[in-house]
Amino acid sequence: MAEIMRRHNQQLFRLAVGVLADRAEAEDVLQESYIRAFARIGEYSGEGRLGAWLASIVRNEAIDRARVRSRRTQHISFEVDMRSLGDDFPLHRARADETASNPDIAAERADVRRLIEDEVAQLPDQFRAVFVLREVEGLSVEETAEYLGIPDATVKSRDFRARALLKARLGQQIDASLPQAFTFLNPECASLIDRVLKRIGAARS
């Protein structure tokens, strides 16, 4: 179970945050989705990718959460705890030493991350989930369509429109900084796995 969660945490977290635009709620959705998934693991037929099956559970949980929230308020706040955003990114490692030795560069990159995440959070809901999976997580058009349950052509059009909206406001900063957004790094990942396993263990005892 722990290995399954480690393998899929990043993509599924970004799927949830793409729907909800809120890190804390996305993490809560991810935890609840794992509990449901492991309780229903017998329903997984083995056909198709496990990640896509898990994604459908996360997507539905996130959408349900968004609907409940929209009934409470029309205002969606999106606060990013920058202390939880480390520099252990899949790309740009070649510049890690430079950043570590230059506080000004590190601060500038953090500011760009914050700016991008704030702007992504303000995208229309249908654009945001596609954009986060395609441009932040780096999934293919086909994988994104599978995760969201929409046609490939819809993924392409929504991604194009989301990029156009963001580029109009952010310019070239977005291309260099996208891989740094909405990370779900080791401390968060380990904590989530520990909570899920404890709840599963308690349910079985």
N, C-alpha and C. Protein backbone atom coordinates (compact mmCIF):
# COMPACT_ATOMS: atom_id res chain seq x y z
N MET A 1 0.82 -1.21 0.00
CA MET A 1 0.00 0.00 0.00
C MET A 1 0.86 1.26 0.00
N ALA A 2 1.87 1.26 0.86
CA ALA A 2 2.73 2.43 0.94
C ALA A 2 3.41 2.70 -0.39
N GLU A 3 3.85 1.64 -1.05
CA GLU A 3 4.54 1.81 -2.34
C GLU A 3 3.58 2.35 -3.40
N ILE A 4 2.34 1.89 -3.38
CA ILE A 4 1.34 2.40 -4.32
C ILE A 4 1.14 3.89 -4.10
N MET A 5 1.03 4.30 -2.84
CA MET A 5 0.83 5.71 -2.55
C MET A 5 2.04 6.54 -2.96
N ARG A 6 3.24 6.05 -2.65
CA ARG A 6 4.44 6.80 -3.04
C ARG A 6 4.50 6.98 -4.55
N ARG A 7 4.10 5.97 -5.29
CA ARG A 7 4.19 6.01 -6.75
C ARG A 7 3.20 7.00 -7.35
N HIS A 8 2.04 7.17 -6.70
CA HIS A 8 0.98 7.96 -7.32
C HIS A 8 0.67 9.28 -6.60
N ASN A 9 1.28 9.52 -5.46
CA ASN A 9 0.93 10.70 -4.67
C ASN A 9 1.02 12.00 -5.45
N GLN A 10 2.13 12.22 -6.16
CA GLN A 10 2.34 13.50 -6.82
C GLN A 10 1.26 13.79 -7.86
N GLN A 11 1.02 12.82 -8.75
CA GLN A 11 0.03 13.04 -9.79
C GLN A 11 -1.37 13.21 -9.22
N LEU A 12 -1.73 12.39 -8.25
CA LEU A 12 -3.07 12.46 -7.69
C LEU A 12 -3.27 13.72 -6.86
N PHE A 13 -2.23 14.16 -6.17
CA PHE A 13 -2.33 15.42 -5.43
C PHE A 13 -2.56 16.57 -6.40
N ARG A 14 -1.81 16.58 -7.49
CA ARG A 14 -1.97 17.66 -8.46
C ARG A 14 -3.33 17.60 -9.14
N LEU A 15 -3.87 16.40 -9.33
CA LEU A 15 -5.23 16.29 -9.84
C LEU A 15 -6.22 16.93 -8.87
N ALA A 16 -6.09 16.62 -7.58
CA ALA A 16 -7.01 17.16 -6.58
C ALA A 16 -6.88 18.67 -6.46
N VAL A 17 -5.65 19.17 -6.46
CA VAL A 17 -5.46 20.62 -6.35
C VAL A 17 -5.91 21.32 -7.63
N GLY A 18 -5.86 20.61 -8.75
CA GLY A 18 -6.37 21.17 -9.98
C GLY A 18 -7.87 21.38 -9.95
N VAL A 19 -8.57 20.52 -9.25
CA VAL A 19 -10.02 20.65 -9.12
C VAL A 19 -10.38 21.67 -8.04
N LEU A 20 -9.65 21.62 -6.92
CA LEU A 20 -10.05 22.40 -5.75
C LEU A 20 -9.32 23.72 -5.56
N ALA A 21 -8.11 23.83 -6.13
CA ALA A 21 -7.30 25.05 -5.97
C ALA A 21 -7.02 25.34 -4.51
N ASP A 22 -6.80 24.31 -3.73
CA ASP A 22 -6.52 24.47 -2.30
C ASP A 22 -5.68 23.30 -1.84
N ARG A 23 -4.47 23.57 -1.37
CA ARG A 23 -3.55 22.50 -0.99
C ARG A 23 -4.09 21.65 0.16
N ALA A 24 -4.61 22.30 1.19
CA ALA A 24 -5.07 21.56 2.37
C ALA A 24 -6.24 20.65 2.02
N GLU A 25 -7.20 21.17 1.27
CA GLU A 25 -8.34 20.34 0.87
C GLU A 25 -7.91 19.23 -0.07
N ALA A 26 -6.97 19.53 -0.95
CA ALA A 26 -6.49 18.50 -1.88
C ALA A 26 -5.83 17.35 -1.13
N GLU A 27 -5.05 17.66 -0.11
CA GLU A 27 -4.41 16.61 0.68
C GLU A 27 -5.46 15.78 1.41
N ASP A 28 -6.49 16.44 1.94
CA ASP A 28 -7.56 15.73 2.64
C ASP A 28 -8.31 14.82 1.67
N VAL A 29 -8.56 15.31 0.47
CA VAL A 29 -9.23 14.50 -0.56
C VAL A 29 -8.38 13.29 -0.91
N LEU A 30 -7.08 13.49 -1.04
CA LEU A 30 -6.19 12.39 -1.37
C LEU A 30 -6.23 11.31 -0.30
N GLN A 31 -6.20 11.71 0.95
CA GLN A 31 -6.24 10.76 2.05
C GLN A 31 -7.55 9.97 2.03
N GLU A 32 -8.67 10.67 1.93
CA GLU A 32 -9.96 9.99 1.92
C GLU A 32 -10.10 9.07 0.71
N SER A 33 -9.55 9.50 -0.41
CA SER A 33 -9.64 8.68 -1.63
C SER A 33 -8.86 7.38 -1.48
N TYR A 34 -7.68 7.45 -0.86
CA TYR A 34 -6.92 6.23 -0.63
C TYR A 34 -7.67 5.27 0.28
N ILE A 35 -8.30 5.80 1.31
CA ILE A 35 -9.07 4.95 2.23
C ILE A 35 -10.18 4.23 1.45
N ARG A 36 -10.88 4.98 0.61
CA ARG A 36 -11.95 4.37 -0.18
C ARG A 36 -11.39 3.37 -1.18
N ALA A 37 -10.28 3.73 -1.81
CA ALA A 37 -9.70 2.86 -2.84
C ALA A 37 -9.26 1.53 -2.25
N PHE A 38 -8.57 1.57 -1.12
CA PHE A 38 -8.08 0.33 -0.53
C PHE A 38 -9.23 -0.53 0.02
N ALA A 39 -10.31 0.15 0.41
CA ALA A 39 -11.49 -0.61 0.87
C ALA A 39 -12.20 -1.27 -0.30
N ARG A 40 -12.02 -0.71 -1.50
CA ARG A 40 -12.71 -1.22 -2.69
C ARG A 40 -11.74 -1.84 -3.69
N ILE A 41 -10.56 -2.22 -3.23
CA ILE A 41 -9.53 -2.69 -4.16
C ILE A 41 -10.00 -3.91 -4.96
N GLY A 42 -10.94 -4.66 -4.39
CA GLY A 42 -11.47 -5.82 -5.10
C GLY A 42 -12.24 -5.44 -6.36
N GLU A 43 -12.66 -4.17 -6.45
CA GLU A 43 -13.40 -3.72 -7.62
C GLU A 43 -12.48 -3.42 -8.79
N TYR A 44 -11.18 -3.28 -8.50
CA TYR A 44 -10.24 -2.99 -9.58
C TYR A 44 -10.02 -4.27 -10.38
N SER A 45 -10.39 -4.22 -11.64
CA SER A 45 -10.39 -5.42 -12.48
C SER A 45 -9.01 -5.80 -12.98
N GLY A 46 -8.07 -4.86 -12.88
CA GLY A 46 -6.74 -5.13 -13.43
C GLY A 46 -6.61 -4.65 -14.86
N GLU A 47 -7.74 -4.27 -15.45
CA GLU A 47 -7.71 -3.72 -16.80
C GLU A 47 -7.45 -2.23 -16.73
N GLY A 48 -6.55 -1.74 -17.57
CA GLY A 48 -6.19 -0.34 -17.50
C GLY A 48 -5.18 -0.09 -16.40
N ARG A 49 -4.71 1.13 -16.34
CA ARG A 49 -3.68 1.47 -15.35
C ARG A 49 -4.29 1.72 -13.98
N LEU A 50 -3.58 1.24 -12.95
CA LEU A 50 -4.04 1.47 -11.58
C LEU A 50 -4.14 2.96 -11.30
N GLY A 51 -3.19 3.73 -11.82
CA GLY A 51 -3.21 5.17 -11.59
C GLY A 51 -4.48 5.82 -12.09
N ALA A 52 -4.98 5.36 -13.23
CA ALA A 52 -6.21 5.93 -13.79
C ALA A 52 -7.41 5.57 -12.92
N TRP A 53 -7.42 4.33 -12.39
CA TRP A 53 -8.51 3.92 -11.50
C TRP A 53 -8.50 4.76 -10.22
N LEU A 54 -7.33 4.96 -9.66
CA LEU A 54 -7.21 5.80 -8.47
C LEU A 54 -7.61 7.24 -8.80
N ALA A 55 -7.21 7.71 -9.98
CA ALA A 55 -7.53 9.08 -10.37
C ALA A 55 -9.03 9.31 -10.44
N SER A 56 -9.76 8.31 -10.91
CA SER A 56 -11.22 8.47 -10.99
C SER A 56 -11.82 8.65 -9.60
N ILE A 57 -11.27 7.95 -8.62
CA ILE A 57 -11.76 8.08 -7.23
C ILE A 57 -11.41 9.46 -6.69
N VAL A 58 -10.17 9.89 -6.91
CA VAL A 58 -9.73 11.21 -6.44
C VAL A 58 -10.56 12.31 -7.12
N ARG A 59 -10.74 12.18 -8.42
CA ARG A 59 -11.50 13.19 -9.16
C ARG A 59 -12.92 13.33 -8.62
N ASN A 60 -13.59 12.20 -8.42
CA ASN A 60 -14.97 12.25 -7.93
C ASN A 60 -15.03 12.82 -6.52
N GLU A 61 -14.09 12.44 -5.67
CA GLU A 61 -14.05 12.97 -4.31
C GLU A 61 -13.82 14.47 -4.32
N ALA A 62 -12.91 14.92 -5.18
CA ALA A 62 -12.61 16.35 -5.26
C ALA A 62 -13.80 17.14 -5.80
N ILE A 63 -14.46 16.60 -6.81
CA ILE A 63 -15.62 17.28 -7.38
C ILE A 63 -16.74 17.38 -6.35
N ASP A 64 -16.97 16.30 -5.62
CA ASP A 64 -17.99 16.34 -4.56
C ASP A 64 -17.65 17.40 -3.52
N ARG A 65 -16.37 17.46 -3.15
CA ARG A 65 -15.93 18.45 -2.16
C ARG A 65 -16.13 19.87 -2.71
N ALA A 66 -15.84 20.07 -3.97
CA ALA A 66 -15.99 21.39 -4.58
C ALA A 66 -17.46 21.81 -4.62
N ARG A 67 -18.33 20.85 -4.88
CA ARG A 67 -19.76 21.16 -4.92
C ARG A 67 -20.28 21.57 -3.55
N VAL A 68 -19.86 20.84 -2.53
CA VAL A 68 -20.27 21.19 -1.16
C VAL A 68 -19.76 22.58 -0.80
N ARG A 69 -18.51 22.84 -1.15
CA ARG A 69 -17.92 24.14 -0.83
C ARG A 69 -18.63 25.27 -1.56
N SER A 70 -19.02 25.04 -2.81
CA SER A 70 -19.66 26.10 -3.59
C SER A 70 -21.03 26.45 -3.03
N ARG A 71 -21.63 25.49 -2.33
CA ARG A 71 -22.91 25.79 -1.70
C ARG A 71 -22.72 26.71 -0.49
N ARG A 72 -21.56 26.59 0.14
CA ARG A 72 -21.29 27.41 1.32
C ARG A 72 -20.88 28.82 0.96
N THR A 73 -20.11 28.95 -0.10
CA THR A 73 -19.59 30.27 -0.45
C THR A 73 -19.22 30.32 -1.91
N GLN A 74 -19.31 31.48 -2.50
CA GLN A 74 -18.91 31.67 -3.88
C GLN A 74 -17.47 32.13 -3.98
N HIS A 75 -16.88 32.43 -2.84
CA HIS A 75 -15.50 32.91 -2.84
C HIS A 75 -14.56 31.78 -2.49
N ILE A 76 -13.61 31.49 -3.37
CA ILE A 76 -12.62 30.44 -3.14
C ILE A 76 -11.29 31.09 -2.81
N SER A 77 -10.82 30.85 -1.61
CA SER A 77 -9.51 31.38 -1.24
C SER A 77 -8.47 30.31 -1.48
N PHE A 78 -7.29 30.75 -1.86
CA PHE A 78 -6.22 29.80 -2.17
C PHE A 78 -4.94 30.32 -1.54
N GLU A 79 -4.57 29.73 -0.42
CA GLU A 79 -3.39 30.17 0.29
C GLU A 79 -2.33 29.08 0.18
N VAL A 80 -1.14 29.45 -0.25
CA VAL A 80 -0.05 28.50 -0.43
C VAL A 80 0.95 28.67 0.71
N ASP A 81 1.19 27.61 1.45
CA ASP A 81 2.20 27.62 2.50
C ASP A 81 3.55 27.40 1.85
N MET A 82 4.28 28.48 1.61
CA MET A 82 5.51 28.36 0.87
C MET A 82 6.58 27.61 1.65
N ARG A 83 6.39 27.49 2.96
CA ARG A 83 7.38 26.74 3.73
C ARG A 83 7.38 25.27 3.36
N SER A 84 6.26 24.79 2.83
CA SER A 84 6.18 23.37 2.46
C SER A 84 6.65 23.13 1.04
N LEU A 85 7.03 24.18 0.32
CA LEU A 85 7.49 24.03 -1.05
C LEU A 85 9.00 24.04 -1.06
N GLY A 86 9.60 22.87 -1.16
CA GLY A 86 11.05 22.78 -1.18
C GLY A 86 11.63 22.96 -2.56
N ASP A 87 12.90 22.68 -2.71
CA ASP A 87 13.57 22.83 -3.99
C ASP A 87 13.94 21.49 -4.61
N ASP A 88 13.28 20.42 -4.16
CA ASP A 88 13.58 19.09 -4.69
C ASP A 88 12.70 18.83 -5.91
N PHE A 89 12.98 19.54 -6.99
CA PHE A 89 12.14 19.47 -8.17
C PHE A 89 12.74 18.51 -9.18
N PRO A 90 11.88 17.92 -10.07
CA PRO A 90 12.40 16.99 -11.07
C PRO A 90 13.25 17.67 -12.13
N LEU A 91 13.02 18.96 -12.37
CA LEU A 91 13.80 19.68 -13.36
C LEU A 91 14.58 20.80 -12.70
N HIS A 92 15.44 21.44 -13.47
CA HIS A 92 16.22 22.59 -13.01
C HIS A 92 17.24 22.22 -11.94
N ARG A 93 17.61 20.95 -11.82
CA ARG A 93 18.57 20.57 -10.80
C ARG A 93 19.96 21.10 -11.13
N ALA A 94 20.17 21.39 -12.40
CA ALA A 94 21.48 21.90 -12.78
C ALA A 94 21.75 23.24 -12.13
N ARG A 95 20.69 23.95 -11.73
CA ARG A 95 20.85 25.25 -11.12
C ARG A 95 20.75 25.20 -9.61
N ALA A 96 20.69 23.99 -9.04
CA ALA A 96 20.49 23.87 -7.59
C ALA A 96 21.61 24.52 -6.81
N ASP A 97 22.87 24.29 -7.23
CA ASP A 97 24.00 24.87 -6.51
C ASP A 97 23.98 26.38 -6.58
N GLU A 98 23.64 26.89 -7.75
CA GLU A 98 23.59 28.34 -7.91
C GLU A 98 22.54 28.95 -7.01
N THR A 99 21.38 28.30 -6.94
CA THR A 99 20.30 28.81 -6.11
C THR A 99 20.67 28.75 -4.63
N ALA A 100 21.27 27.63 -4.22
CA ALA A 100 21.64 27.47 -2.82
C ALA A 100 22.65 28.50 -2.38
N SER A 101 23.53 28.90 -3.28
CA SER A 101 24.58 29.85 -2.91
C SER A 101 24.17 31.30 -3.11
N ASN A 102 22.98 31.51 -3.66
CA ASN A 102 22.52 32.86 -3.92
C ASN A 102 21.12 33.04 -3.38
N PRO A 103 20.98 33.62 -2.18
CA PRO A 103 19.65 33.80 -1.57
C PRO A 103 18.72 34.64 -2.44
N ASP A 104 19.26 35.55 -3.21
CA ASP A 104 18.42 36.39 -4.05
C ASP A 104 17.72 35.57 -5.12
N ILE A 105 18.47 34.61 -5.70
CA ILE A 105 17.87 33.75 -6.73
C ILE A 105 16.80 32.86 -6.11
N ALA A 106 17.09 32.32 -4.93
CA ALA A 106 16.11 31.46 -4.25
C ALA A 106 14.84 32.22 -3.94
N ALA A 107 15.00 33.46 -3.47
CA ALA A 107 13.83 34.28 -3.14
C ALA A 107 13.03 34.62 -4.40
N GLU A 108 13.75 34.89 -5.47
CA GLU A 108 13.08 35.23 -6.72
C GLU A 108 12.27 34.04 -7.24
N ARG A 109 12.85 32.83 -7.17
CA ARG A 109 12.14 31.64 -7.62
C ARG A 109 10.90 31.37 -6.76
N ALA A 110 11.03 31.60 -5.45
CA ALA A 110 9.88 31.41 -4.57
C ALA A 110 8.77 32.39 -4.92
N ASP A 111 9.14 33.62 -5.24
CA ASP A 111 8.14 34.62 -5.63
C ASP A 111 7.43 34.22 -6.91
N VAL A 112 8.19 33.68 -7.86
CA VAL A 112 7.59 33.24 -9.12
C VAL A 112 6.63 32.08 -8.88
N ARG A 113 7.05 31.12 -8.05
CA ARG A 113 6.16 30.00 -7.72
C ARG A 113 4.85 30.50 -7.12
N ARG A 114 4.98 31.42 -6.19
CA ARG A 114 3.79 31.96 -5.52
C ARG A 114 2.88 32.66 -6.52
N LEU A 115 3.48 33.43 -7.40
CA LEU A 115 2.71 34.15 -8.41
C LEU A 115 1.97 33.19 -9.33
N ILE A 116 2.67 32.16 -9.79
CA ILE A 116 2.06 31.19 -10.70
C ILE A 116 0.93 30.43 -10.02
N GLU A 117 1.16 29.97 -8.81
CA GLU A 117 0.12 29.20 -8.12
C GLU A 117 -1.11 30.06 -7.86
N ASP A 118 -0.92 31.33 -7.53
CA ASP A 118 -2.06 32.22 -7.34
C ASP A 118 -2.85 32.39 -8.63
N GLU A 119 -2.13 32.55 -9.74
CA GLU A 119 -2.80 32.74 -11.03
C GLU A 119 -3.50 31.46 -11.49
N VAL A 120 -2.86 30.32 -11.29
CA VAL A 120 -3.49 29.04 -11.67
C VAL A 120 -4.77 28.83 -10.86
N ALA A 121 -4.75 29.20 -9.60
CA ALA A 121 -5.92 29.02 -8.75
C ALA A 121 -7.11 29.82 -9.25
N GLN A 122 -6.86 30.89 -9.99
CA GLN A 122 -7.93 31.74 -10.48
C GLN A 122 -8.45 31.33 -11.86
N LEU A 123 -7.85 30.31 -12.46
CA LEU A 123 -8.36 29.81 -13.73
C LEU A 123 -9.76 29.23 -13.55
N PRO A 124 -10.60 29.26 -14.59
CA PRO A 124 -11.90 28.57 -14.51
C PRO A 124 -11.69 27.10 -14.17
N ASP A 125 -12.61 26.53 -13.42
CA ASP A 125 -12.44 25.17 -12.91
C ASP A 125 -12.09 24.16 -13.99
N GLN A 126 -12.80 24.24 -15.13
CA GLN A 126 -12.60 23.23 -16.17
C GLN A 126 -11.23 23.35 -16.82
N PHE A 127 -10.63 24.54 -16.79
CA PHE A 127 -9.30 24.73 -17.34
C PHE A 127 -8.22 24.32 -16.36
N ARG A 128 -8.45 24.58 -15.08
CA ARG A 128 -7.40 24.42 -14.07
C ARG A 128 -6.95 22.97 -13.94
N ALA A 129 -7.89 22.03 -13.87
CA ALA A 129 -7.51 20.63 -13.69
C ALA A 129 -6.70 20.13 -14.88
N VAL A 130 -7.11 20.49 -16.09
CA VAL A 130 -6.37 20.09 -17.28
C VAL A 130 -4.97 20.70 -17.26
N PHE A 131 -4.90 21.97 -16.95
CA PHE A 131 -3.62 22.67 -16.97
C PHE A 131 -2.62 22.08 -15.97
N VAL A 132 -3.08 21.81 -14.76
CA VAL A 132 -2.19 21.28 -13.74
C VAL A 132 -1.65 19.91 -14.15
N LEU A 133 -2.50 19.06 -14.67
CA LEU A 133 -2.05 17.72 -15.07
C LEU A 133 -1.14 17.77 -16.29
N ARG A 134 -1.47 18.60 -17.27
CA ARG A 134 -0.68 18.66 -18.50
C ARG A 134 0.64 19.42 -18.31
N GLU A 135 0.55 20.63 -17.78
CA GLU A 135 1.71 21.51 -17.78
C GLU A 135 2.54 21.46 -16.51
N VAL A 136 1.91 21.16 -15.39
CA VAL A 136 2.66 21.07 -14.13
C VAL A 136 3.16 19.64 -13.92
N GLU A 137 2.24 18.67 -14.02
CA GLU A 137 2.62 17.28 -13.81
C GLU A 137 3.27 16.68 -15.04
N GLY A 138 2.96 17.19 -16.22
CA GLY A 138 3.60 16.71 -17.44
C GLY A 138 2.97 15.47 -18.04
N LEU A 139 1.69 15.21 -17.74
CA LEU A 139 1.02 14.07 -18.34
C LEU A 139 0.76 14.33 -19.82
N SER A 140 0.65 13.26 -20.59
CA SER A 140 0.31 13.40 -22.00
C SER A 140 -1.15 13.77 -22.13
N VAL A 141 -1.54 14.16 -23.36
CA VAL A 141 -2.94 14.46 -23.62
C VAL A 141 -3.80 13.24 -23.31
N GLU A 142 -3.35 12.08 -23.75
CA GLU A 142 -4.12 10.85 -23.54
C GLU A 142 -4.25 10.51 -22.05
N GLU A 143 -3.16 10.65 -21.30
CA GLU A 143 -3.21 10.36 -19.86
C GLU A 143 -4.13 11.33 -19.14
N THR A 144 -4.04 12.61 -19.51
CA THR A 144 -4.90 13.61 -18.88
C THR A 144 -6.37 13.33 -19.17
N ALA A 145 -6.66 12.97 -20.40
CA ALA A 145 -8.04 12.63 -20.77
C ALA A 145 -8.54 11.44 -19.96
N GLU A 146 -7.67 10.45 -19.78
CA GLU A 146 -8.03 9.27 -19.00
C GLU A 146 -8.28 9.63 -17.54
N TYR A 147 -7.43 10.47 -16.98
CA TYR A 147 -7.57 10.86 -15.59
C TYR A 147 -8.86 11.66 -15.34
N LEU A 148 -9.21 12.51 -16.30
CA LEU A 148 -10.35 13.41 -16.10
C LEU A 148 -11.64 12.89 -16.72
N GLY A 149 -11.54 11.83 -17.53
CA GLY A 149 -12.73 11.28 -18.15
C GLY A 149 -13.33 12.18 -19.21
N ILE A 150 -12.47 12.84 -19.99
CA ILE A 150 -12.94 13.73 -21.05
C ILE A 150 -12.20 13.38 -22.34
N PRO A 151 -12.71 13.81 -23.51
CA PRO A 151 -12.04 13.50 -24.78
C PRO A 151 -10.68 14.19 -24.91
N ASP A 152 -9.82 13.61 -25.73
CA ASP A 152 -8.50 14.19 -25.99
C ASP A 152 -8.62 15.62 -26.52
N ALA A 153 -9.56 15.83 -27.44
CA ALA A 153 -9.72 17.15 -28.04
C ALA A 153 -10.08 18.20 -26.99
N THR A 154 -10.86 17.81 -25.99
CA THR A 154 -11.23 18.74 -24.92
C THR A 154 -10.01 19.10 -24.08
N VAL A 155 -9.17 18.11 -23.82
CA VAL A 155 -7.92 18.37 -23.09
C VAL A 155 -7.09 19.41 -23.84
N LYS A 156 -6.93 19.23 -25.14
CA LYS A 156 -6.10 20.13 -25.94
C LYS A 156 -6.66 21.55 -25.93
N SER A 157 -7.96 21.69 -26.12
CA SER A 157 -8.54 23.02 -26.19
C SER A 157 -8.49 23.73 -24.84
N ARG A 158 -8.75 23.00 -23.75
CA ARG A 158 -8.73 23.62 -22.43
C ARG A 158 -7.31 23.99 -22.02
N ASP A 159 -6.36 23.14 -22.36
CA ASP A 159 -4.96 23.44 -22.05
C ASP A 159 -4.51 24.68 -22.81
N PHE A 160 -4.87 24.76 -24.07
CA PHE A 160 -4.50 25.92 -24.89
C PHE A 160 -5.08 27.20 -24.32
N ARG A 161 -6.34 27.17 -23.94
CA ARG A 161 -6.98 28.37 -23.41
C ARG A 161 -6.42 28.75 -22.05
N ALA A 162 -6.10 27.76 -21.23
CA ALA A 162 -5.51 28.04 -19.91
C ALA A 162 -4.14 28.70 -20.07
N ARG A 163 -3.31 28.17 -20.97
CA ARG A 163 -2.00 28.76 -21.21
C ARG A 163 -2.12 30.18 -21.73
N ALA A 164 -3.09 30.41 -22.61
CA ALA A 164 -3.27 31.75 -23.15
C ALA A 164 -3.64 32.73 -22.06
N LEU A 165 -4.53 32.32 -21.16
CA LEU A 165 -4.93 33.20 -20.06
C LEU A 165 -3.75 33.52 -19.16
N LEU A 166 -2.96 32.49 -18.83
CA LEU A 166 -1.84 32.70 -17.93
C LEU A 166 -0.71 33.50 -18.58
N LYS A 167 -0.42 33.19 -19.82
CA LYS A 167 0.68 33.88 -20.48
C LYS A 167 0.38 35.36 -20.67
N ALA A 168 -0.89 35.67 -20.80
CA ALA A 168 -1.25 37.07 -20.94
C ALA A 168 -0.85 37.86 -19.69
N ARG A 169 -0.80 37.18 -18.55
CA ARG A 169 -0.49 37.85 -17.29
C ARG A 169 0.93 37.58 -16.80
N LEU A 170 1.45 36.45 -17.16
CA LEU A 170 2.74 36.06 -16.58
C LEU A 170 3.91 36.08 -17.56
N GLY A 171 3.61 36.05 -18.85
CA GLY A 171 4.69 36.08 -19.82
C GLY A 171 5.57 34.85 -19.75
N GLN A 172 6.84 35.02 -20.02
CA GLN A 172 7.76 33.90 -20.16
C GLN A 172 8.15 33.26 -18.84
N GLN A 173 7.82 33.87 -17.71
CA GLN A 173 8.16 33.29 -16.41
C GLN A 173 7.53 31.91 -16.24
N ILE A 174 6.38 31.70 -16.86
CA ILE A 174 5.64 30.48 -16.62
C ILE A 174 6.37 29.24 -17.10
N ASP A 175 7.02 29.30 -18.26
CA ASP A 175 7.66 28.11 -18.82
C ASP A 175 8.80 27.61 -17.94
N ALA A 176 9.57 28.52 -17.37
CA ALA A 176 10.72 28.12 -16.56
C ALA A 176 10.32 27.64 -15.18
N SER A 177 9.13 27.98 -14.72
CA SER A 177 8.79 27.73 -13.32
C SER A 177 7.68 26.73 -13.10
N LEU A 178 7.00 26.26 -14.15
CA LEU A 178 5.88 25.34 -13.98
C LEU A 178 6.23 24.07 -13.21
N PRO A 179 7.39 23.42 -13.47
CA PRO A 179 7.67 22.17 -12.75
C PRO A 179 7.81 22.36 -11.25
N GLN A 180 7.89 23.61 -10.78
CA GLN A 180 8.08 23.85 -9.36
C GLN A 180 6.76 24.02 -8.61
N ALA A 181 5.64 24.07 -9.33
CA ALA A 181 4.38 24.38 -8.69
C ALA A 181 3.69 23.14 -8.13
N PHE A 182 2.99 23.34 -7.01
CA PHE A 182 2.15 22.31 -6.39
C PHE A 182 2.90 21.02 -6.11
N THR A 183 4.12 21.13 -5.60
CA THR A 183 4.86 19.93 -5.25
C THR A 183 4.24 19.27 -4.02
N PHE A 184 4.43 17.98 -3.93
CA PHE A 184 3.96 17.21 -2.78
C PHE A 184 5.16 16.38 -2.35
N LEU A 185 6.01 16.97 -1.54
CA LEU A 185 7.34 16.43 -1.30
C LEU A 185 7.38 15.46 -0.12
N ASN A 186 8.58 14.98 0.18
CA ASN A 186 8.75 13.86 1.11
C ASN A 186 8.03 14.01 2.45
N PRO A 187 8.16 15.13 3.18
CA PRO A 187 7.48 15.20 4.48
C PRO A 187 5.97 15.04 4.35
N GLU A 188 5.36 15.70 3.36
CA GLU A 188 3.92 15.60 3.15
C GLU A 188 3.54 14.19 2.70
N CYS A 189 4.30 13.65 1.79
CA CYS A 189 4.04 12.31 1.26
C CYS A 189 4.10 11.27 2.38
N ALA A 190 5.15 11.31 3.19
CA ALA A 190 5.33 10.34 4.27
C ALA A 190 4.24 10.47 5.31
N SER A 191 3.86 11.71 5.61
CA SER A 191 2.81 11.94 6.60
C SER A 191 1.48 11.39 6.13
N LEU A 192 1.16 11.60 4.87
CA LEU A 192 -0.09 11.09 4.32
C LEU A 192 -0.12 9.57 4.35
N ILE A 193 0.95 8.94 3.91
CA ILE A 193 1.02 7.48 3.91
C ILE A 193 0.83 6.93 5.31
N ASP A 194 1.47 7.55 6.30
CA ASP A 194 1.37 7.10 7.69
C ASP A 194 -0.08 7.19 8.18
N ARG A 195 -0.77 8.30 7.86
CA ARG A 195 -2.15 8.46 8.31
C ARG A 195 -3.07 7.44 7.66
N VAL A 196 -2.89 7.20 6.37
CA VAL A 196 -3.74 6.24 5.67
C VAL A 196 -3.55 4.83 6.23
N LEU A 197 -2.29 4.43 6.42
CA LEU A 197 -2.02 3.08 6.93
C LEU A 197 -2.57 2.90 8.34
N LYS A 198 -2.48 3.94 9.17
CA LYS A 198 -3.01 3.85 10.53
C LYS A 198 -4.53 3.68 10.50
N ARG A 199 -5.19 4.42 9.63
CA ARG A 199 -6.65 4.30 9.57
C ARG A 199 -7.08 2.94 9.03
N ILE A 200 -6.36 2.43 8.07
CA ILE A 200 -6.68 1.10 7.55
C ILE A 200 -6.45 0.04 8.61
N GLY A 201 -5.34 0.18 9.35
CA GLY A 201 -5.05 -0.77 10.42
C GLY A 201 -6.12 -0.73 11.51
N ALA A 202 -6.58 0.48 11.86
CA ALA A 202 -7.61 0.61 12.90
C ALA A 202 -8.92 0.00 12.44
N ALA A 203 -9.22 0.15 11.14
CA ALA A 203 -10.48 -0.40 10.62
C ALA A 203 -10.48 -1.92 10.62
N ARG A 204 -9.29 -2.50 10.47
CA ARG A 204 -9.20 -3.97 10.40
C ARG A 204 -9.17 -4.62 11.78
N SER A 205 -8.77 -3.83 12.80
CA SER A 205 -8.63 -4.42 14.14
C SER A 205 -9.97 -4.51 14.85
